[in-house]
Amino acid sequence: NGMSWSFKNGDNEWCPQTIELPDKPFAATAVGGSTLLVKREVLGKLSAPCFKIVYREIDEDGRCFDEAEDEYFSRIAREAGYELMVDPTIVCKHYNYCEI
């Protein structure tokens, strides 16, 4: 089971990647927000808002945000001591998903 996605590198640039995924749930440092299963107690323990875009000053390339909503949620959940898990058997297509 292969998966393609992008992540931001240390220079805040998106980097496309393709890897083989394990066949069972695994821990992650960030998760996409399109398909989340979150216990209600987690949302109750996090400071509101749980999802927001974190902006910064516009850089020379016209970029103006550091974290999208799902990145922000992933970070504050980890900081609160929660583990983020990915179930690779669940597939959700993003609005601009395309077959490669």
PDB file of N, CA and C in Angstrom:
ATOM      1  N   ASN A   1       0.841  -1.186   0.000  1.00  0.00           N
ATOM      2  CA  ASN A   1       0.000   0.000   0.000  1.00  0.00           C
ATOM      3  C   ASN A   1       0.880   1.242   0.000  1.00  0.00           C
ATOM      4  N   GLY A   2       0.919   1.956  -1.090  1.00  0.00           N
ATOM      5  CA  GLY A   2       1.705   3.180  -1.163  1.00  0.00           C
ATOM      6  C   GLY A   2       0.846   4.405  -0.926  1.00  0.00           C
ATOM      7  N   MET A   3       1.480   5.469  -0.494  1.00  0.00           N
ATOM      8  CA  MET A   3       0.765   6.707  -0.216  1.00  0.00           C
ATOM      9  C   MET A   3       1.608   7.872  -0.694  1.00  0.00           C
ATOM     10  N   SER A   4       0.974   8.841  -1.323  1.00  0.00           N
ATOM     11  CA  SER A   4       1.657  10.060  -1.740  1.00  0.00           C
ATOM     12  C   SER A   4       1.099  11.226  -0.951  1.00  0.00           C
ATOM     13  N   TRP A   5       1.965  12.115  -0.546  1.00  0.00           N
ATOM     14  CA  TRP A   5       1.553  13.286   0.220  1.00  0.00           C
ATOM     15  C   TRP A   5       2.660  14.315   0.153  1.00  0.00           C
ATOM     16  N   SER A   6       2.412  15.455   0.767  1.00  0.00           N
ATOM     17  CA  SER A   6       3.423  16.504   0.843  1.00  0.00           C
ATOM     18  C   SER A   6       3.625  16.907   2.295  1.00  0.00           C
ATOM     19  N   PHE A   7       4.805  17.401   2.605  1.00  0.00           N
ATOM     20  CA  PHE A   7       5.074  17.935   3.936  1.00  0.00           C
ATOM     21  C   PHE A   7       5.944  19.169   3.772  1.00  0.00           C
ATOM     22  N   LYS A   8       6.016  19.974   4.835  1.00  0.00           N
ATOM     23  CA  LYS A   8       6.858  21.165   4.790  1.00  0.00           C
ATOM     24  C   LYS A   8       8.230  20.841   5.357  1.00  0.00           C
ATOM     25  N   ASN A   9       9.278  21.259   4.657  1.00  0.00           N
ATOM     26  CA  ASN A   9      10.634  21.054   5.159  1.00  0.00           C
ATOM     27  C   ASN A   9      11.034  22.218   6.059  1.00  0.00           C
ATOM     28  N   GLY A  10      12.275  22.243   6.494  1.00  0.00           N
ATOM     29  CA  GLY A  10      12.752  23.285   7.393  1.00  0.00           C
ATOM     30  C   GLY A  10      12.718  24.679   6.794  1.00  0.00           C
ATOM     31  N   ASP A  11      12.667  24.774   5.467  1.00  0.00           N
ATOM     32  CA  ASP A  11      12.561  26.067   4.795  1.00  0.00           C
ATOM     33  C   ASP A  11      11.110  26.436   4.512  1.00  0.00           C
ATOM     34  N   ASN A  12      10.169  25.686   5.109  1.00  0.00           N
ATOM     35  CA  ASN A  12       8.733  25.921   4.952  1.00  0.00           C
ATOM     36  C   ASN A  12       8.276  25.711   3.506  1.00  0.00           C
ATOM     37  N   GLU A  13       8.937  24.798   2.793  1.00  0.00           N
ATOM     38  CA  GLU A  13       8.582  24.473   1.419  1.00  0.00           C
ATOM     39  C   GLU A  13       7.899  23.110   1.389  1.00  0.00           C
ATOM     40  N   TRP A  14       6.865  22.958   0.541  1.00  0.00           N
ATOM     41  CA  TRP A  14       6.165  21.683   0.417  1.00  0.00           C
ATOM     42  C   TRP A  14       7.012  20.706  -0.384  1.00  0.00           C
ATOM     43  N   CYS A  15       7.136  19.483   0.119  1.00  0.00           N
ATOM     44  CA  CYS A  15       7.947  18.449  -0.521  1.00  0.00           C
ATOM     45  C   CYS A  15       7.081  17.217  -0.775  1.00  0.00           C
ATOM     46  N   PRO A  16       6.844  16.856  -2.037  1.00  0.00           N
ATOM     47  CA  PRO A  16       6.052  15.658  -2.321  1.00  0.00           C
ATOM     48  C   PRO A  16       6.831  14.391  -1.962  1.00  0.00           C
ATOM     49  N   GLN A  17       6.138  13.405  -1.436  1.00  0.00           N
ATOM     50  CA  GLN A  17       6.764  12.147  -1.022  1.00  0.00           C
ATOM     51  C   GLN A  17       5.844  10.980  -1.369  1.00  0.00           C
ATOM     52  N   THR A  18       6.422   9.826  -1.582  1.00  0.00           N
ATOM     53  CA  THR A  18       5.669   8.586  -1.738  1.00  0.00           C
ATOM     54  C   THR A  18       6.402   7.516  -0.944  1.00  0.00           C
ATOM     55  N   ILE A  19       5.680   6.815  -0.089  1.00  0.00           N
ATOM     56  CA  ILE A  19       6.281   5.734   0.697  1.00  0.00           C
ATOM     57  C   ILE A  19       5.309   4.571   0.796  1.00  0.00           C
ATOM     58  N   GLU A  20       5.841   3.439   1.210  1.00  0.00           N
ATOM     59  CA  GLU A  20       5.006   2.298   1.547  1.00  0.00           C
ATOM     60  C   GLU A  20       4.532   2.476   2.980  1.00  0.00           C
ATOM     61  N   LEU A  21       3.257   2.266   3.209  1.00  0.00           N
ATOM     62  CA  LEU A  21       2.699   2.391   4.553  1.00  0.00           C
ATOM     63  C   LEU A  21       2.618   1.032   5.223  1.00  0.00           C
ATOM     64  N   PRO A  22       2.717   1.007   6.558  1.00  0.00           N
ATOM     65  CA  PRO A  22       2.487  -0.255   7.261  1.00  0.00           C
ATOM     66  C   PRO A  22       1.029  -0.670   7.090  1.00  0.00           C
ATOM     67  N   ASP A  23       0.725  -1.911   7.389  1.00  0.00           N
ATOM     68  CA  ASP A  23      -0.656  -2.380   7.228  1.00  0.00           C
ATOM     69  C   ASP A  23      -1.460  -2.290   8.518  1.00  0.00           C
ATOM     70  N   LYS A  24      -0.907  -1.654   9.542  1.00  0.00           N
ATOM     71  CA  LYS A  24      -1.625  -1.488  10.808  1.00  0.00           C
ATOM     72  C   LYS A  24      -1.437  -0.053  11.301  1.00  0.00           C
ATOM     73  N   PRO A  25      -2.252   0.410  12.247  1.00  0.00           N
ATOM     74  CA  PRO A  25      -2.136   1.790  12.741  1.00  0.00           C
ATOM     75  C   PRO A  25      -0.732   2.107  13.245  1.00  0.00           C
ATOM     76  N   PHE A  26      -0.318   3.370  13.019  1.00  0.00           N
ATOM     77  CA  PHE A  26       1.007   3.810  13.449  1.00  0.00           C
ATOM     78  C   PHE A  26       0.932   5.242  13.965  1.00  0.00           C
ATOM     79  N   ALA A  27       1.911   5.612  14.793  1.00  0.00           N
ATOM     80  CA  ALA A  27       1.962   6.954  15.378  1.00  0.00           C
ATOM     81  C   ALA A  27       2.460   7.959  14.344  1.00  0.00           C
ATOM     82  N   ALA A  28       1.971   9.212  14.466  1.00  0.00           N
ATOM     83  CA  ALA A  28       2.372  10.285  13.559  1.00  0.00           C
ATOM     84  C   ALA A  28       2.580  11.572  14.348  1.00  0.00           C
ATOM     85  N   THR A  29       3.329  12.495  13.773  1.00  0.00           N
ATOM     86  CA  THR A  29       3.522  13.794  14.425  1.00  0.00           C
ATOM     87  C   THR A  29       2.471  14.801  13.987  1.00  0.00           C
ATOM     88  N   ALA A  30       1.834  14.570  12.840  1.00  0.00           N
ATOM     89  CA  ALA A  30       0.752  15.437  12.370  1.00  0.00           C
ATOM     90  C   ALA A  30      -0.181  14.613  11.497  1.00  0.00           C
ATOM     91  N   VAL A  31      -1.447  14.985  11.488  1.00  0.00           N
ATOM     92  CA  VAL A  31      -2.440  14.270  10.688  1.00  0.00           C
ATOM     93  C   VAL A  31      -3.245  15.265   9.865  1.00  0.00           C
ATOM     94  N   GLY A  32      -3.736  14.801   8.719  1.00  0.00           N
ATOM     95  CA  GLY A  32      -4.608  15.632   7.892  1.00  0.00           C
ATOM     96  C   GLY A  32      -5.986  15.728   8.513  1.00  0.00           C
ATOM     97  N   GLY A  33      -6.626  16.842   8.326  1.00  0.00           N
ATOM     98  CA  GLY A  33      -7.910  17.082   8.975  1.00  0.00           C
ATOM     99  C   GLY A  33      -9.119  16.581   8.220  1.00  0.00           C
ATOM    100  N   SER A  34      -8.935  15.962   7.061  1.00  0.00           N
ATOM    101  CA  SER A  34     -10.093  15.555   6.270  1.00  0.00           C
ATOM    102  C   SER A  34     -10.873  14.409   6.897  1.00  0.00           C
ATOM    103  N   THR A  35     -10.208  13.531   7.606  1.00  0.00           N
ATOM    104  CA  THR A  35     -10.878  12.409   8.253  1.00  0.00           C
ATOM    105  C   THR A  35     -10.240  12.193   9.613  1.00  0.00           C
ATOM    106  N   LEU A  36     -10.888  12.704  10.650  1.00  0.00           N
ATOM    107  CA  LEU A  36     -10.375  12.564  12.011  1.00  0.00           C
ATOM    108  C   LEU A  36     -11.392  11.852  12.883  1.00  0.00           C
ATOM    109  N   LEU A  37     -10.910  11.014  13.759  1.00  0.00           N
ATOM    110  CA  LEU A  37     -11.731  10.429  14.811  1.00  0.00           C
ATOM    111  C   LEU A  37     -11.099  10.891  16.115  1.00  0.00           C
ATOM    112  N   VAL A  38     -11.797  11.800  16.799  1.00  0.00           N
ATOM    113  CA  VAL A  38     -11.257  12.418  18.007  1.00  0.00           C
ATOM    114  C   VAL A  38     -12.240  12.207  19.144  1.00  0.00           C
ATOM    115  N   LYS A  39     -11.748  11.705  20.270  1.00  0.00           N
ATOM    116  CA  LYS A  39     -12.613  11.561  21.437  1.00  0.00           C
ATOM    117  C   LYS A  39     -13.054  12.938  21.915  1.00  0.00           C
ATOM    118  N   ARG A  40     -14.308  13.044  22.321  1.00  0.00           N
ATOM    119  CA  ARG A  40     -14.868  14.307  22.790  1.00  0.00           C
ATOM    120  C   ARG A  40     -14.041  14.881  23.946  1.00  0.00           C
ATOM    121  N   GLU A  41     -13.534  14.015  24.812  1.00  0.00           N
ATOM    122  CA  GLU A  41     -12.749  14.482  25.961  1.00  0.00           C
ATOM    123  C   GLU A  41     -11.484  15.223  25.521  1.00  0.00           C
ATOM    124  N   VAL A  42     -10.912  14.826  24.387  1.00  0.00           N
ATOM    125  CA  VAL A  42      -9.715  15.510  23.880  1.00  0.00           C
ATOM    126  C   VAL A  42     -10.067  16.947  23.522  1.00  0.00           C
ATOM    127  N   LEU A  43     -11.141  17.129  22.773  1.00  0.00           N
ATOM    128  CA  LEU A  43     -11.551  18.479  22.385  1.00  0.00           C
ATOM    129  C   LEU A  43     -11.869  19.323  23.610  1.00  0.00           C
ATOM    130  N   GLY A  44     -12.440  18.701  24.644  1.00  0.00           N
ATOM    131  CA  GLY A  44     -12.767  19.421  25.870  1.00  0.00           C
ATOM    132  C   GLY A  44     -11.542  19.858  26.651  1.00  0.00           C
ATOM    133  N   LYS A  45     -10.433  19.129  26.512  1.00  0.00           N
ATOM    134  CA  LYS A  45      -9.215  19.461  27.263  1.00  0.00           C
ATOM    135  C   LYS A  45      -8.302  20.445  26.532  1.00  0.00           C
ATOM    136  N   LEU A  46      -8.495  20.604  25.231  1.00  0.00           N
ATOM    137  CA  LEU A  46      -7.666  21.535  24.467  1.00  0.00           C
ATOM    138  C   LEU A  46      -8.254  22.937  24.559  1.00  0.00           C
ATOM    139  N   SER A  47      -7.393  23.922  24.521  1.00  0.00           N
ATOM    140  CA  SER A  47      -7.852  25.312  24.527  1.00  0.00           C
ATOM    141  C   SER A  47      -8.477  25.650  23.179  1.00  0.00           C
ATOM    142  N   ALA A  48      -9.595  26.348  23.223  1.00  0.00           N
ATOM    143  CA  ALA A  48     -10.258  26.774  21.986  1.00  0.00           C
ATOM    144  C   ALA A  48      -9.490  27.940  21.378  1.00  0.00           C
ATOM    145  N   PRO A  49      -9.451  28.028  20.086  1.00  0.00           N
ATOM    146  CA  PRO A  49     -10.018  27.090  19.124  1.00  0.00           C
ATOM    147  C   PRO A  49      -9.093  25.890  18.920  1.00  0.00           C
ATOM    148  N   CYS A  50      -9.677  24.753  18.605  1.00  0.00           N
ATOM    149  CA  CYS A  50      -8.870  23.553  18.361  1.00  0.00           C
ATOM    150  C   CYS A  50      -8.299  23.538  16.945  1.00  0.00           C
ATOM    151  N   PHE A  51      -8.909  24.290  16.059  1.00  0.00           N
ATOM    152  CA  PHE A  51      -8.462  24.356  14.666  1.00  0.00           C
ATOM    153  C   PHE A  51      -8.368  25.821  14.259  1.00  0.00           C
ATOM    154  N   LYS A  52      -7.216  26.242  13.800  1.00  0.00           N
ATOM    155  CA  LYS A  52      -7.066  27.598  13.267  1.00  0.00           C
ATOM    156  C   LYS A  52      -5.834  27.659  12.377  1.00  0.00           C
ATOM    157  N   ILE A  53      -5.815  28.651  11.511  1.00  0.00           N
ATOM    158  CA  ILE A  53      -4.642  28.896  10.677  1.00  0.00           C
ATOM    159  C   ILE A  53      -3.747  29.864  11.428  1.00  0.00           C
ATOM    160  N   VAL A  54      -2.476  29.530  11.522  1.00  0.00           N
ATOM    161  CA  VAL A  54      -1.507  30.400  12.184  1.00  0.00           C
ATOM    162  C   VAL A  54      -0.785  31.193  11.097  1.00  0.00           C
ATOM    163  N   TYR A  55      -0.987  32.497  11.125  1.00  0.00           N
ATOM    164  CA  TYR A  55      -0.407  33.378  10.110  1.00  0.00           C
ATOM    165  C   TYR A  55       0.905  33.977  10.582  1.00  0.00           C
ATOM    166  N   ARG A  56       1.696  34.399   9.633  1.00  0.00           N
ATOM    167  CA  ARG A  56       2.922  35.144   9.900  1.00  0.00           C
ATOM    168  C   ARG A  56       3.005  36.245   8.852  1.00  0.00           C
ATOM    169  N   GLU A  57       4.003  37.063   8.941  1.00  0.00           N
ATOM    170  CA  GLU A  57       4.164  38.125   7.946  1.00  0.00           C
ATOM    171  C   GLU A  57       4.440  37.519   6.576  1.00  0.00           C
ATOM    172  N   ILE A  58       3.964  38.171   5.552  1.00  0.00           N
ATOM    173  CA  ILE A  58       4.173  37.688   4.186  1.00  0.00           C
ATOM    174  C   ILE A  58       5.669  37.712   3.869  1.00  0.00           C
ATOM    175  N   ASP A  59       6.162  36.561   3.370  1.00  0.00           N
ATOM    176  CA  ASP A  59       7.585  36.491   3.037  1.00  0.00           C
ATOM    177  C   ASP A  59       7.823  36.893   1.579  1.00  0.00           C
ATOM    178  N   GLU A  60       9.073  36.818   1.150  1.00  0.00           N
ATOM    179  CA  GLU A  60       9.436  37.252  -0.202  1.00  0.00           C
ATOM    180  C   GLU A  60       8.793  36.405  -1.293  1.00  0.00           C
ATOM    181  N   ASP A  61       8.313  35.203  -0.938  1.00  0.00           N
ATOM    182  CA  ASP A  61       7.640  34.337  -1.907  1.00  0.00           C
ATOM    183  C   ASP A  61       6.125  34.460  -1.836  1.00  0.00           C
ATOM    184  N   GLY A  62       5.623  35.389  -1.029  1.00  0.00           N
ATOM    185  CA  GLY A  62       4.181  35.603  -0.921  1.00  0.00           C
ATOM    186  C   GLY A  62       3.471  34.658   0.026  1.00  0.00           C
ATOM    187  N   ARG A  63       4.229  33.880   0.805  1.00  0.00           N
ATOM    188  CA  ARG A  63       3.609  32.952   1.762  1.00  0.00           C
ATOM    189  C   ARG A  63       3.317  33.694   3.059  1.00  0.00           C
ATOM    190  N   CYS A  64       2.172  33.376   3.650  1.00  0.00           N
ATOM    191  CA  CYS A  64       1.795  34.131   4.846  1.00  0.00           C
ATOM    192  C   CYS A  64       1.236  33.267   5.971  1.00  0.00           C
ATOM    193  N   PHE A  65       1.357  31.948   5.899  1.00  0.00           N
ATOM    194  CA  PHE A  65       0.925  31.169   7.051  1.00  0.00           C
ATOM    195  C   PHE A  65       1.921  30.077   7.375  1.00  0.00           C
ATOM    196  N   ASP A  66       2.001  29.775   8.672  1.00  0.00           N
ATOM    197  CA  ASP A  66       2.924  28.753   9.160  1.00  0.00           C
ATOM    198  C   ASP A  66       2.249  27.403   9.342  1.00  0.00           C
ATOM    199  N   GLU A  67       0.997  27.423   9.803  1.00  0.00           N
ATOM    200  CA  GLU A  67       0.291  26.172  10.080  1.00  0.00           C
ATOM    201  C   GLU A  67      -1.133  26.249   9.557  1.00  0.00           C
ATOM    202  N   ALA A  68      -1.553  25.212   8.850  1.00  0.00           N
ATOM    203  CA  ALA A  68      -2.955  25.074   8.478  1.00  0.00           C
ATOM    204  C   ALA A  68      -3.708  24.513   9.690  1.00  0.00           C
ATOM    205  N   GLU A  69      -5.025  24.437   9.572  1.00  0.00           N
ATOM    206  CA  GLU A  69      -5.848  24.010  10.702  1.00  0.00           C
ATOM    207  C   GLU A  69      -5.458  22.640  11.244  1.00  0.00           C
ATOM    208  N   ASP A  70      -5.202  21.684  10.350  1.00  0.00           N
ATOM    209  CA  ASP A  70      -4.876  20.331  10.808  1.00  0.00           C
ATOM    210  C   ASP A  70      -3.492  20.263  11.442  1.00  0.00           C
ATOM    211  N   GLU A  71      -2.550  21.044  10.929  1.00  0.00           N
ATOM    212  CA  GLU A  71      -1.221  21.104  11.551  1.00  0.00           C
ATOM    213  C   GLU A  71      -1.317  21.704  12.955  1.00  0.00           C
ATOM    214  N   TYR A  72      -2.117  22.746  13.093  1.00  0.00           N
ATOM    215  CA  TYR A  72      -2.306  23.398  14.389  1.00  0.00           C
ATOM    216  C   TYR A  72      -2.912  22.408  15.388  1.00  0.00           C
ATOM    217  N   PHE A  73      -3.992  21.716  14.975  1.00  0.00           N
ATOM    218  CA  PHE A  73      -4.620  20.736  15.858  1.00  0.00           C
ATOM    219  C   PHE A  73      -3.620  19.657  16.262  1.00  0.00           C
ATOM    220  N   SER A  74      -2.860  19.148  15.309  1.00  0.00           N
ATOM    221  CA  SER A  74      -1.880  18.101  15.609  1.00  0.00           C
ATOM    222  C   SER A  74      -0.876  18.577  16.652  1.00  0.00           C
ATOM    223  N   ARG A  75      -0.392  19.789  16.486  1.00  0.00           N
ATOM    224  CA  ARG A  75       0.607  20.323  17.424  1.00  0.00           C
ATOM    225  C   ARG A  75       0.034  20.494  18.826  1.00  0.00           C
ATOM    226  N   ILE A  76      -1.150  21.114  18.951  1.00  0.00           N
ATOM    227  CA  ILE A  76      -1.664  21.346  20.305  1.00  0.00           C
ATOM    228  C   ILE A  76      -2.098  20.043  20.973  1.00  0.00           C
ATOM    229  N   ALA A  77      -2.555  19.067  20.194  1.00  0.00           N
ATOM    230  CA  ALA A  77      -2.909  17.766  20.767  1.00  0.00           C
ATOM    231  C   ALA A  77      -1.656  17.064  21.298  1.00  0.00           C
ATOM    232  N   ARG A  78      -0.570  17.085  20.520  1.00  0.00           N
ATOM    233  CA  ARG A  78       0.694  16.487  20.983  1.00  0.00           C
ATOM    234  C   ARG A  78       1.202  17.203  22.225  1.00  0.00           C
ATOM    235  N   GLU A  79       1.155  18.545  22.211  1.00  0.00           N
ATOM    236  CA  GLU A  79       1.628  19.317  23.361  1.00  0.00           C
ATOM    237  C   GLU A  79       0.808  19.019  24.612  1.00  0.00           C
ATOM    238  N   ALA A  80      -0.451  18.620  24.435  1.00  0.00           N
ATOM    239  CA  ALA A  80      -1.310  18.268  25.568  1.00  0.00           C
ATOM    240  C   ALA A  80      -1.098  16.819  26.010  1.00  0.00           C
ATOM    241  N   GLY A  81      -0.194  16.096  25.327  1.00  0.00           N
ATOM    242  CA  GLY A  81       0.141  14.736  25.736  1.00  0.00           C
ATOM    243  C   GLY A  81      -0.589  13.634  24.997  1.00  0.00           C
ATOM    244  N   TYR A  82      -1.332  13.973  23.954  1.00  0.00           N
ATOM    245  CA  TYR A  82      -2.060  12.954  23.199  1.00  0.00           C
ATOM    246  C   TYR A  82      -1.194  12.402  22.077  1.00  0.00           C
ATOM    247  N   GLU A  83      -1.392  11.127  21.781  1.00  0.00           N
ATOM    248  CA  GLU A  83      -0.681  10.483  20.682  1.00  0.00           C
ATOM    249  C   GLU A  83      -1.570  10.523  19.446  1.00  0.00           C
ATOM    250  N   LEU A  84      -1.000  10.870  18.320  1.00  0.00           N
ATOM    251  CA  LEU A  84      -1.726  10.890  17.051  1.00  0.00           C
ATOM    252  C   LEU A  84      -1.465   9.573  16.341  1.00  0.00           C
ATOM    253  N   MET A  85      -2.534   8.927  15.925  1.00  0.00           N
ATOM    254  CA  MET A  85      -2.416   7.646  15.244  1.00  0.00           C
ATOM    255  C   MET A  85      -3.045   7.737  13.858  1.00  0.00           C
ATOM    256  N   VAL A  86      -2.461   6.995  12.915  1.00  0.00           N
ATOM    257  CA  VAL A  86      -2.970   6.920  11.551  1.00  0.00           C
ATOM    258  C   VAL A  86      -3.373   5.482  11.277  1.00  0.00           C
ATOM    259  N   ASP A  87      -4.576   5.285  10.736  1.00  0.00           N
ATOM    260  CA  ASP A  87      -5.023   3.962  10.308  1.00  0.00           C
ATOM    261  C   ASP A  87      -4.907   3.919   8.785  1.00  0.00           C
ATOM    262  N   PRO A  88      -3.899   3.238   8.253  1.00  0.00           N
ATOM    263  CA  PRO A  88      -3.670   3.248   6.808  1.00  0.00           C
ATOM    264  C   PRO A  88      -4.724   2.490   6.007  1.00  0.00           C
ATOM    265  N   THR A  89      -5.638   1.804   6.680  1.00  0.00           N
ATOM    266  CA  THR A  89      -6.694   1.102   5.950  1.00  0.00           C
ATOM    267  C   THR A  89      -7.846   2.031   5.581  1.00  0.00           C
ATOM    268  N   ILE A  90      -7.875   3.241   6.154  1.00  0.00           N
ATOM    269  CA  ILE A  90      -8.917   4.222   5.849  1.00  0.00           C
ATOM    270  C   ILE A  90      -8.378   5.176   4.785  1.00  0.00           C
ATOM    271  N   VAL A  91      -9.080   5.304   3.678  1.00  0.00           N
ATOM    272  CA  VAL A  91      -8.650   6.186   2.596  1.00  0.00           C
ATOM    273  C   VAL A  91      -9.693   7.282   2.417  1.00  0.00           C
ATOM    274  N   CYS A  92      -9.251   8.514   2.469  1.00  0.00           N
ATOM    275  CA  CYS A  92     -10.127   9.662   2.255  1.00  0.00           C
ATOM    276  C   CYS A  92      -9.496  10.518   1.169  1.00  0.00           C
ATOM    277  N   LYS A  93     -10.263  10.864   0.173  1.00  0.00           N
ATOM    278  CA  LYS A  93      -9.730  11.670  -0.929  1.00  0.00           C
ATOM    279  C   LYS A  93      -9.930  13.149  -0.638  1.00  0.00           C
ATOM    280  N   HIS A  94      -8.892  13.922  -0.816  1.00  0.00           N
ATOM    281  CA  HIS A  94      -8.934  15.372  -0.645  1.00  0.00           C
ATOM    282  C   HIS A  94      -9.639  15.981  -1.851  1.00  0.00           C
ATOM    283  N   TYR A  95     -10.134  17.195  -1.713  1.00  0.00           N
ATOM    284  CA  TYR A  95     -10.882  17.815  -2.813  1.00  0.00           C
ATOM    285  C   TYR A  95     -10.064  17.932  -4.091  1.00  0.00           C
ATOM    286  N   ASN A  96      -8.748  18.005  -3.986  1.00  0.00           N
ATOM    287  CA  ASN A  96      -7.936  18.086  -5.202  1.00  0.00           C
ATOM    288  C   ASN A  96      -7.100  16.829  -5.411  1.00  0.00           C
ATOM    289  N   TYR A  97      -7.563  15.722  -4.871  1.00  0.00           N
ATOM    290  CA  TYR A  97      -6.883  14.430  -4.994  1.00  0.00           C
ATOM    291  C   TYR A  97      -6.893  13.986  -6.456  1.00  0.00           C
ATOM    292  N   CYS A  98      -5.813  13.419  -6.904  1.00  0.00           N
ATOM    293  CA  CYS A  98      -5.783  12.874  -8.257  1.00  0.00           C
ATOM    294  C   CYS A  98      -4.960  11.592  -8.264  1.00  0.00           C
ATOM    295  N   GLU A  99      -5.346  10.691  -9.130  1.00  0.00           N
ATOM    296  CA  GLU A  99      -4.602   9.445  -9.293  1.00  0.00           C
ATOM    297  C   GLU A  99      -3.304   9.749 -10.030  1.00  0.00           C
ATOM    298  N   ILE A 100      -2.207   9.163  -9.577  1.00  0.00           N
ATOM    299  CA  ILE A 100      -0.921   9.379 -10.245  1.00  0.00           C
ATOM    300  C   ILE A 100      -0.523   8.117 -10.982  1.00  0.00           C
TER     301      ILE A 100
END
